[in-house]
Amino acid sequence: MECFFAGKEAFLQAQGQVGQEAIKQLEHEIALLSDIQHPNIVQYLGTGMMRNSIFFSGASKQGLSG
């Protein structure tokens, strides 16, 4: 069985109201991803930070159709 990995990087700019709102949205997205269990959705593996970026990682055991 093949396993596919997915990743997402978001640049954090935590200054001012716009930056704080972006961080809240990312926190919400992380909470949603960590709770979702569905065969058609990439399974959340974890989050990491480096400098001003946050990284999301996930994996799927299902093949891609197409």
PDB file of N, CA and C in Angstrom:
ATOM      1  N   MET A   1       0.850  -1.172   0.000  1.00  0.00           N
ATOM      2  CA  MET A   1       0.000   0.000   0.000  1.00  0.00           C
ATOM      3  C   MET A   1       0.897   1.237   0.000  1.00  0.00           C
ATOM      4  N   GLU A   2       0.607   2.161  -0.888  1.00  0.00           N
ATOM      5  CA  GLU A   2       1.376   3.400  -0.957  1.00  0.00           C
ATOM      6  C   GLU A   2       0.907   4.386   0.099  1.00  0.00           C
ATOM      7  N   CYS A   3       1.827   5.198   0.547  1.00  0.00           N
ATOM      8  CA  CYS A   3       1.502   6.242   1.513  1.00  0.00           C
ATOM      9  C   CYS A   3       1.928   7.580   0.921  1.00  0.00           C
ATOM     10  N   PHE A   4       1.052   8.549   0.969  1.00  0.00           N
ATOM     11  CA  PHE A   4       1.333   9.873   0.438  1.00  0.00           C
ATOM     12  C   PHE A   4       1.432  10.860   1.588  1.00  0.00           C
ATOM     13  N   PHE A   5       2.384  11.757   1.492  1.00  0.00           N
ATOM     14  CA  PHE A   5       2.567  12.768   2.528  1.00  0.00           C
ATOM     15  C   PHE A   5       2.218  14.140   1.980  1.00  0.00           C
ATOM     16  N   ALA A   6       1.681  14.972   2.848  1.00  0.00           N
ATOM     17  CA  ALA A   6       1.310  16.334   2.473  1.00  0.00           C
ATOM     18  C   ALA A   6       1.894  17.290   3.494  1.00  0.00           C
ATOM     19  N   GLY A   7       2.194  18.481   3.053  1.00  0.00           N
ATOM     20  CA  GLY A   7       2.724  19.479   3.962  1.00  0.00           C
ATOM     21  C   GLY A   7       2.208  20.861   3.611  1.00  0.00           C
ATOM     22  N   LYS A   8       2.245  21.726   4.587  1.00  0.00           N
ATOM     23  CA  LYS A   8       1.810  23.101   4.393  1.00  0.00           C
ATOM     24  C   LYS A   8       2.703  23.984   5.244  1.00  0.00           C
ATOM     25  N   GLU A   9       3.157  25.083   4.684  1.00  0.00           N
ATOM     26  CA  GLU A   9       3.948  26.055   5.425  1.00  0.00           C
ATOM     27  C   GLU A   9       3.196  27.376   5.440  1.00  0.00           C
ATOM     28  N   ALA A  10       3.139  28.009   6.591  1.00  0.00           N
ATOM     29  CA  ALA A  10       2.509  29.323   6.725  1.00  0.00           C
ATOM     30  C   ALA A  10       3.493  30.256   7.402  1.00  0.00           C
ATOM     31  N   PHE A  11       3.685  31.424   6.839  1.00  0.00           N
ATOM     32  CA  PHE A  11       4.578  32.427   7.412  1.00  0.00           C
ATOM     33  C   PHE A  11       3.827  33.193   8.486  1.00  0.00           C
ATOM     34  N   LEU A  12       4.420  33.275   9.668  1.00  0.00           N
ATOM     35  CA  LEU A  12       3.780  33.964  10.786  1.00  0.00           C
ATOM     36  C   LEU A  12       4.300  35.393  10.890  1.00  0.00           C
ATOM     37  N   GLN A  13       3.393  36.312  10.893  1.00  0.00           N
ATOM     38  CA  GLN A  13       3.715  37.713  11.101  1.00  0.00           C
ATOM     39  C   GLN A  13       2.792  38.189  12.211  1.00  0.00           C
ATOM     40  N   ALA A  14       3.225  38.001  13.440  1.00  0.00           N
ATOM     41  CA  ALA A  14       2.347  38.181  14.602  1.00  0.00           C
ATOM     42  C   ALA A  14       2.271  39.618  15.093  1.00  0.00           C
ATOM     43  N   GLN A  15       2.394  40.563  14.214  1.00  0.00           N
ATOM     44  CA  GLN A  15       2.327  41.956  14.628  1.00  0.00           C
ATOM     45  C   GLN A  15       0.975  42.537  14.254  1.00  0.00           C
ATOM     46  N   GLY A  16       0.399  43.267  15.180  1.00  0.00           N
ATOM     47  CA  GLY A  16      -0.861  43.953  14.916  1.00  0.00           C
ATOM     48  C   GLY A  16      -2.052  43.028  14.907  1.00  0.00           C
ATOM     49  N   GLN A  17      -3.210  43.594  14.661  1.00  0.00           N
ATOM     50  CA  GLN A  17      -4.475  42.872  14.670  1.00  0.00           C
ATOM     51  C   GLN A  17      -4.539  41.821  13.569  1.00  0.00           C
ATOM     52  N   VAL A  18      -4.039  42.146  12.374  1.00  0.00           N
ATOM     53  CA  VAL A  18      -4.083  41.201  11.249  1.00  0.00           C
ATOM     54  C   VAL A  18      -3.240  39.967  11.567  1.00  0.00           C
ATOM     55  N   GLY A  19      -2.066  40.168  12.140  1.00  0.00           N
ATOM     56  CA  GLY A  19      -1.198  39.048  12.502  1.00  0.00           C
ATOM     57  C   GLY A  19      -1.817  38.171  13.568  1.00  0.00           C
ATOM     58  N   GLN A  20      -2.428  38.778  14.563  1.00  0.00           N
ATOM     59  CA  GLN A  20      -3.069  38.015  15.634  1.00  0.00           C
ATOM     60  C   GLN A  20      -4.251  37.216  15.100  1.00  0.00           C
ATOM     61  N   GLU A  21      -5.015  37.790  14.186  1.00  0.00           N
ATOM     62  CA  GLU A  21      -6.150  37.076  13.585  1.00  0.00           C
ATOM     63  C   GLU A  21      -5.662  35.891  12.751  1.00  0.00           C
ATOM     64  N   ALA A  22      -4.567  36.069  12.019  1.00  0.00           N
ATOM     65  CA  ALA A  22      -4.005  34.973  11.222  1.00  0.00           C
ATOM     66  C   ALA A  22      -3.567  33.824  12.124  1.00  0.00           C
ATOM     67  N   ILE A  23      -2.978  34.122  13.259  1.00  0.00           N
ATOM     68  CA  ILE A  23      -2.550  33.083  14.202  1.00  0.00           C
ATOM     69  C   ILE A  23      -3.759  32.342  14.758  1.00  0.00           C
ATOM     70  N   LYS A  24      -4.832  33.066  15.081  1.00  0.00           N
ATOM     71  CA  LYS A  24      -6.055  32.422  15.566  1.00  0.00           C
ATOM     72  C   LYS A  24      -6.626  31.478  14.509  1.00  0.00           C
ATOM     73  N   GLN A  25      -6.601  31.890  13.243  1.00  0.00           N
ATOM     74  CA  GLN A  25      -7.105  31.046  12.164  1.00  0.00           C
ATOM     75  C   GLN A  25      -6.264  29.783  12.024  1.00  0.00           C
ATOM     76  N   LEU A  26      -4.943  29.912  12.143  1.00  0.00           N
ATOM     77  CA  LEU A  26      -4.064  28.747  12.071  1.00  0.00           C
ATOM     78  C   LEU A  26      -4.314  27.795  13.236  1.00  0.00           C
ATOM     79  N   GLU A  27      -4.494  28.337  14.423  1.00  0.00           N
ATOM     80  CA  GLU A  27      -4.793  27.501  15.585  1.00  0.00           C
ATOM     81  C   GLU A  27      -6.101  26.739  15.382  1.00  0.00           C
ATOM     82  N   HIS A  28      -7.092  27.409  14.805  1.00  0.00           N
ATOM     83  CA  HIS A  28      -8.375  26.770  14.523  1.00  0.00           C
ATOM     84  C   HIS A  28      -8.205  25.644  13.492  1.00  0.00           C
ATOM     85  N   GLU A  29      -7.431  25.914  12.443  1.00  0.00           N
ATOM     86  CA  GLU A  29      -7.189  24.906  11.412  1.00  0.00           C
ATOM     87  C   GLU A  29      -6.473  23.685  12.003  1.00  0.00           C
ATOM     88  N   ILE A  30      -5.495  23.914  12.865  1.00  0.00           N
ATOM     89  CA  ILE A  30      -4.777  22.815  13.516  1.00  0.00           C
ATOM     90  C   ILE A  30      -5.732  21.980  14.359  1.00  0.00           C
ATOM     91  N   ALA A  31      -6.607  22.642  15.115  1.00  0.00           N
ATOM     92  CA  ALA A  31      -7.574  21.920  15.943  1.00  0.00           C
ATOM     93  C   ALA A  31      -8.503  21.068  15.076  1.00  0.00           C
ATOM     94  N   LEU A  32      -8.969  21.618  13.957  1.00  0.00           N
ATOM     95  CA  LEU A  32      -9.842  20.852  13.061  1.00  0.00           C
ATOM     96  C   LEU A  32      -9.105  19.662  12.463  1.00  0.00           C
ATOM     97  N   LEU A  33      -7.905  19.884  11.963  1.00  0.00           N
ATOM     98  CA  LEU A  33      -7.138  18.809  11.339  1.00  0.00           C
ATOM     99  C   LEU A  33      -6.842  17.672  12.306  1.00  0.00           C
ATOM    100  N   SER A  34      -6.569  18.012  13.547  1.00  0.00           N
ATOM    101  CA  SER A  34      -6.217  16.976  14.513  1.00  0.00           C
ATOM    102  C   SER A  34      -7.417  16.119  14.905  1.00  0.00           C
ATOM    103  N   ASP A  35      -8.635  16.600  14.687  1.00  0.00           N
ATOM    104  CA  ASP A  35      -9.843  15.857  15.046  1.00  0.00           C
ATOM    105  C   ASP A  35     -10.451  15.062  13.892  1.00  0.00           C
ATOM    106  N   ILE A  36     -10.118  15.401  12.666  1.00  0.00           N
ATOM    107  CA  ILE A  36     -10.755  14.782  11.499  1.00  0.00           C
ATOM    108  C   ILE A  36     -10.192  13.383  11.256  1.00  0.00           C
ATOM    109  N   GLN A  37     -11.081  12.425  11.106  1.00  0.00           N
ATOM    110  CA  GLN A  37     -10.728  11.037  10.775  1.00  0.00           C
ATOM    111  C   GLN A  37     -11.607  10.603   9.599  1.00  0.00           C
ATOM    112  N   HIS A  38     -11.068  10.650   8.381  1.00  0.00           N
ATOM    113  CA  HIS A  38     -11.836  10.269   7.203  1.00  0.00           C
ATOM    114  C   HIS A  38     -10.878   9.734   6.144  1.00  0.00           C
ATOM    115  N   PRO A  39     -11.249   8.659   5.439  1.00  0.00           N
ATOM    116  CA  PRO A  39     -10.334   8.072   4.450  1.00  0.00           C
ATOM    117  C   PRO A  39     -10.009   8.980   3.267  1.00  0.00           C
ATOM    118  N   ASN A  40     -10.828   9.970   2.985  1.00  0.00           N
ATOM    119  CA  ASN A  40     -10.574  10.866   1.857  1.00  0.00           C
ATOM    120  C   ASN A  40      -9.866  12.157   2.267  1.00  0.00           C
ATOM    121  N   ILE A  41      -9.501  12.258   3.534  1.00  0.00           N
ATOM    122  CA  ILE A  41      -8.829  13.458   4.032  1.00  0.00           C
ATOM    123  C   ILE A  41      -7.476  13.050   4.612  1.00  0.00           C
ATOM    124  N   VAL A  42      -6.451  13.808   4.299  1.00  0.00           N
ATOM    125  CA  VAL A  42      -5.110  13.530   4.804  1.00  0.00           C
ATOM    126  C   VAL A  42      -5.126  13.562   6.332  1.00  0.00           C
ATOM    127  N   GLN A  43      -4.543  12.545   6.952  1.00  0.00           N
ATOM    128  CA  GLN A  43      -4.487  12.436   8.411  1.00  0.00           C
ATOM    129  C   GLN A  43      -3.407  13.363   8.958  1.00  0.00           C
ATOM    130  N   TYR A  44      -3.782  14.210   9.873  1.00  0.00           N
ATOM    131  CA  TYR A  44      -2.857  15.154  10.513  1.00  0.00           C
ATOM    132  C   TYR A  44      -1.818  14.396  11.322  1.00  0.00           C
ATOM    133  N   LEU A  45      -0.536  14.722  11.125  1.00  0.00           N
ATOM    134  CA  LEU A  45       0.551  14.083  11.868  1.00  0.00           C
ATOM    135  C   LEU A  45       1.154  14.995  12.925  1.00  0.00           C
ATOM    136  N   GLY A  46       1.277  16.291  12.595  1.00  0.00           N
ATOM    137  CA  GLY A  46       1.869  17.174  13.578  1.00  0.00           C
ATOM    138  C   GLY A  46       2.150  18.555  13.028  1.00  0.00           C
ATOM    139  N   THR A  47       2.657  19.385  13.903  1.00  0.00           N
ATOM    140  CA  THR A  47       2.971  20.770  13.587  1.00  0.00           C
ATOM    141  C   THR A  47       4.348  21.087  14.138  1.00  0.00           C
ATOM    142  N   GLY A  48       5.076  21.902  13.427  1.00  0.00           N
ATOM    143  CA  GLY A  48       6.379  22.348  13.902  1.00  0.00           C
ATOM    144  C   GLY A  48       6.612  23.793  13.513  1.00  0.00           C
ATOM    145  N   MET A  49       7.547  24.425  14.174  1.00  0.00           N
ATOM    146  CA  MET A  49       7.863  25.821  13.870  1.00  0.00           C
ATOM    147  C   MET A  49       9.359  25.973  13.627  1.00  0.00           C
ATOM    148  N   MET A  50       9.696  26.871  12.700  1.00  0.00           N
ATOM    149  CA  MET A  50      11.084  27.229  12.436  1.00  0.00           C
ATOM    150  C   MET A  50      11.116  28.699  12.057  1.00  0.00           C
ATOM    151  N   ARG A  51      11.859  29.472  12.793  1.00  0.00           N
ATOM    152  CA  ARG A  51      11.928  30.923  12.601  1.00  0.00           C
ATOM    153  C   ARG A  51      10.519  31.506  12.606  1.00  0.00           C
ATOM    154  N   ASN A  52      10.090  32.093  11.497  1.00  0.00           N
ATOM    155  CA  ASN A  52       8.768  32.727  11.418  1.00  0.00           C
ATOM    156  C   ASN A  52       7.766  31.901  10.622  1.00  0.00           C
ATOM    157  N   SER A  53       7.988  30.589  10.537  1.00  0.00           N
ATOM    158  CA  SER A  53       7.086  29.725   9.780  1.00  0.00           C
ATOM    159  C   SER A  53       6.564  28.605  10.656  1.00  0.00           C
ATOM    160  N   ILE A  54       5.341  28.189  10.358  1.00  0.00           N
ATOM    161  CA  ILE A  54       4.748  27.027  11.004  1.00  0.00           C
ATOM    162  C   ILE A  54       4.487  26.002   9.913  1.00  0.00           C
ATOM    163  N   PHE A  55       4.746  24.736  10.223  1.00  0.00           N
ATOM    164  CA  PHE A  55       4.612  23.665   9.258  1.00  0.00           C
ATOM    165  C   PHE A  55       3.580  22.656   9.752  1.00  0.00           C
ATOM    166  N   PHE A  56       2.708  22.213   8.852  1.00  0.00           N
ATOM    167  CA  PHE A  56       1.738  21.168   9.131  1.00  0.00           C
ATOM    168  C   PHE A  56       2.175  19.952   8.320  1.00  0.00           C
ATOM    169  N   SER A  57       2.017  18.768   8.857  1.00  0.00           N
ATOM    170  CA  SER A  57       2.308  17.571   8.083  1.00  0.00           C
ATOM    171  C   SER A  57       1.157  16.584   8.217  1.00  0.00           C
ATOM    172  N   GLY A  58       0.982  15.784   7.170  1.00  0.00           N
ATOM    173  CA  GLY A  58      -0.077  14.801   7.163  1.00  0.00           C
ATOM    174  C   GLY A  58       0.260  13.662   6.222  1.00  0.00           C
ATOM    175  N   ALA A  59      -0.500  12.587   6.290  1.00  0.00           N
ATOM    176  CA  ALA A  59      -0.273  11.428   5.436  1.00  0.00           C
ATOM    177  C   ALA A  59      -1.598  10.770   5.087  1.00  0.00           C
ATOM    178  N   SER A  60      -1.574  10.069   3.950  1.00  0.00           N
ATOM    179  CA  SER A  60      -2.732   9.306   3.512  1.00  0.00           C
ATOM    180  C   SER A  60      -2.255   7.967   3.006  1.00  0.00           C
ATOM    181  N   LYS A  61      -2.953   6.897   3.360  1.00  0.00           N
ATOM    182  CA  LYS A  61      -2.601   5.568   2.886  1.00  0.00           C
ATOM    183  C   LYS A  61      -3.345   5.213   1.612  1.00  0.00           C
ATOM    184  N   GLN A  62      -4.283   6.049   1.203  1.00  0.00           N
ATOM    185  CA  GLN A  62      -5.030   5.792  -0.021  1.00  0.00           C
ATOM    186  C   GLN A  62      -4.295   6.376  -1.216  1.00  0.00           C
ATOM    187  N   GLY A  63      -4.405   5.705  -2.346  1.00  0.00           N
ATOM    188  CA  GLY A  63      -3.804   6.213  -3.570  1.00  0.00           C
ATOM    189  C   GLY A  63      -4.580   7.381  -4.136  1.00  0.00           C
ATOM    190  N   LEU A  64      -3.905   8.148  -4.959  1.00  0.00           N
ATOM    191  CA  LEU A  64      -4.566   9.260  -5.634  1.00  0.00           C
ATOM    192  C   LEU A  64      -5.203   8.752  -6.909  1.00  0.00           C
ATOM    193  N   SER A  65      -6.431   9.115  -7.162  1.00  0.00           N
ATOM    194  CA  SER A  65      -7.094   8.690  -8.391  1.00  0.00           C
ATOM    195  C   SER A  65      -6.903   9.739  -9.474  1.00  0.00           C
ATOM    196  N   GLY A  66      -6.863   9.280 -10.692  1.00  0.00           N
ATOM    197  CA  GLY A  66      -6.789  10.249 -11.763  1.00  0.00           C
ATOM    198  C   GLY A  66      -5.955   9.843 -12.907  1.00  0.00           C
TER     199      GLY A  66
END
